[in-house]
Amino acid sequence: QVQLVESGGGVVQPGGSLGLSCAASVSISRLKVMGWYRQTTGDERQLVAVILGDNIIRYADSVKGRFTMSGDKAGNTMYLQMNNLKPEDTAVYYCYAVQLVASTNVDYWGQGTQVTVSS
């Protein structure tokens, strides 16, 4: 069982920046996949950024050049730095991880943190 706890959400004006953190209960080096998703009311959860086993970070087109995902491979924390935020970035942001357990991929989600971009 892996616990994921997000922090760092809040309210910011358009053009501002916020940083999110995701603390995992295990070393992130033990996780097969890590990423960030976001969801607005009434919509499906959407990928923001993800890092797979090839260590290449993939971003949604809507956040490329503005968001940066990083992680401390020696530790247990993943980050999402969000710059030049837009009102359409308003959503609940979720940390996501996959761990391989006995040849089975097991998904884990954090509880979510609200990000609101508004003037």
Protein backbone atom coordinates (compact mmCIF):
# COMPACT_ATOMS: atom_id res chain seq x y z
CA GLN A 1 0.00 0.00 0.00
CA VAL A 2 1.30 3.41 -1.00
CA GLN A 3 -0.03 6.65 0.46
CA LEU A 4 0.25 9.87 -1.52
CA VAL A 5 -0.29 13.25 0.12
CA GLU A 6 -0.45 16.44 -1.93
CA SER A 7 0.18 19.93 -0.62
CA GLY A 8 0.69 23.43 -1.98
CA GLY A 9 -2.63 24.27 -3.60
CA GLY A 10 -4.28 27.63 -3.17
CA VAL A 11 -5.54 30.74 -4.90
CA VAL A 12 -3.36 32.69 -7.32
CA GLN A 13 -3.91 35.46 -9.84
CA PRO A 14 -3.55 34.82 -13.58
CA GLY A 15 0.10 34.88 -14.54
CA GLY A 16 1.18 33.78 -11.08
CA SER A 17 2.95 30.65 -9.91
CA LEU A 18 2.27 27.80 -7.52
CA GLY A 19 4.23 24.74 -6.53
CA LEU A 20 2.64 21.44 -5.58
CA SER A 21 4.28 18.63 -3.66
CA CYS A 22 3.37 14.97 -3.41
CA ALA A 23 4.85 12.99 -0.54
CA ALA A 24 4.81 9.24 -1.04
CA SER A 25 5.01 6.70 1.77
CA VAL A 26 7.73 4.86 -0.17
CA SER A 27 10.79 5.93 -2.09
CA ILE A 28 9.76 7.14 -5.52
CA SER A 29 12.50 4.96 -6.98
CA ARG A 30 10.19 2.03 -6.12
CA LEU A 31 7.33 3.40 -8.21
CA LYS A 32 6.88 2.40 -11.82
CA VAL A 33 4.95 5.50 -12.85
CA MET A 34 4.38 8.87 -11.20
CA GLY A 35 2.34 11.76 -12.42
CA TRP A 36 -0.14 14.56 -11.89
CA TYR A 37 -3.74 14.72 -13.03
CA ARG A 38 -6.38 17.39 -12.63
CA GLN A 39 -10.14 17.43 -12.57
CA THR A 40 -12.82 20.08 -12.75
CA THR A 41 -16.39 19.54 -11.64
CA GLY A 42 -18.31 17.47 -14.14
CA ASP A 43 -15.27 16.53 -16.19
CA GLU A 44 -13.09 13.46 -16.32
CA ARG A 45 -9.69 13.46 -14.67
CA GLN A 46 -7.08 14.66 -17.17
CA LEU A 47 -3.36 14.01 -17.40
CA VAL A 48 -1.12 16.97 -16.60
CA ALA A 49 2.31 15.34 -16.52
CA VAL A 50 3.64 11.81 -16.15
CA ILE A 51 7.00 10.08 -15.95
CA LEU A 52 7.22 6.48 -17.08
CA GLY A 53 9.92 3.86 -16.76
CA ASP A 54 11.99 5.53 -19.49
CA ASN A 55 12.39 8.60 -17.23
CA ILE A 56 10.95 10.86 -19.91
CA ILE A 57 8.42 13.35 -18.60
CA ARG A 58 5.37 13.85 -20.76
CA TYR A 59 3.17 16.94 -20.47
CA ALA A 60 -0.31 17.76 -21.63
CA ASP A 61 -0.16 20.21 -24.53
CA SER A 62 -2.10 22.76 -22.48
CA VAL A 63 0.68 23.01 -19.86
CA LYS A 64 3.84 22.55 -21.93
CA GLY A 65 6.35 25.32 -21.31
CA ARG A 66 4.52 26.45 -18.16
CA PHE A 67 4.53 23.43 -15.83
CA THR A 68 7.54 21.44 -14.70
CA MET A 69 7.40 18.08 -12.99
CA SER A 70 10.35 16.89 -10.94
CA GLY A 71 11.17 14.41 -8.25
CA ASP A 72 13.76 13.53 -5.71
CA LYS A 73 14.75 10.00 -6.79
CA ALA A 74 16.71 9.55 -3.61
CA GLY A 75 13.68 10.52 -1.57
CA ASN A 76 9.92 10.24 -1.59
CA THR A 77 8.65 13.55 -2.93
CA MET A 78 7.44 14.62 -6.36
CA TYR A 79 6.83 18.22 -7.39
CA LEU A 80 4.83 20.18 -9.92
CA GLN A 81 5.93 23.76 -10.50
CA MET A 82 3.23 25.75 -12.25
CA ASN A 83 4.08 29.10 -13.84
CA ASN A 84 2.09 31.61 -15.87
CA LEU A 85 -1.11 30.14 -14.51
CA LYS A 86 -4.35 30.69 -16.39
CA PRO A 87 -7.97 30.58 -15.18
CA GLU A 88 -8.44 27.35 -17.15
CA ASP A 89 -5.81 25.72 -14.91
CA THR A 90 -8.31 25.91 -12.04
CA ALA A 91 -8.96 22.34 -10.89
CA VAL A 92 -8.34 19.79 -8.19
CA TYR A 93 -4.86 18.39 -8.76
CA TYR A 94 -4.14 14.75 -7.93
CA CYS A 95 -0.87 12.93 -7.47
CA TYR A 96 -0.80 9.50 -9.12
CA ALA A 97 1.51 6.53 -8.86
CA VAL A 98 1.76 2.96 -10.06
CA GLN A 99 3.62 0.26 -8.21
CA LEU A 100 4.36 -3.18 -9.58
CA VAL A 101 3.21 -5.69 -6.97
CA ALA A 102 3.58 -9.40 -7.73
CA SER A 103 3.48 -8.77 -11.50
CA THR A 104 0.38 -6.58 -11.14
CA ASN A 105 0.26 -2.84 -11.65
CA VAL A 106 -1.49 -1.19 -8.71
CA ASP A 107 -2.73 2.41 -9.01
CA TYR A 108 -2.63 4.92 -6.17
CA TRP A 109 -4.11 8.40 -5.90
CA GLY A 110 -3.67 11.23 -3.48
CA GLN A 111 -6.61 13.05 -1.94
CA GLY A 112 -6.25 16.05 -4.23
CA THR A 113 -5.45 19.71 -3.70
CA GLN A 114 -7.45 22.65 -5.05
CA VAL A 115 -5.79 25.16 -7.34
CA THR A 116 -7.80 28.27 -8.17
CA VAL A 117 -6.59 30.86 -10.68
CA SER A 118 -8.67 33.99 -10.42
CA SER A 119 -8.31 37.74 -10.36
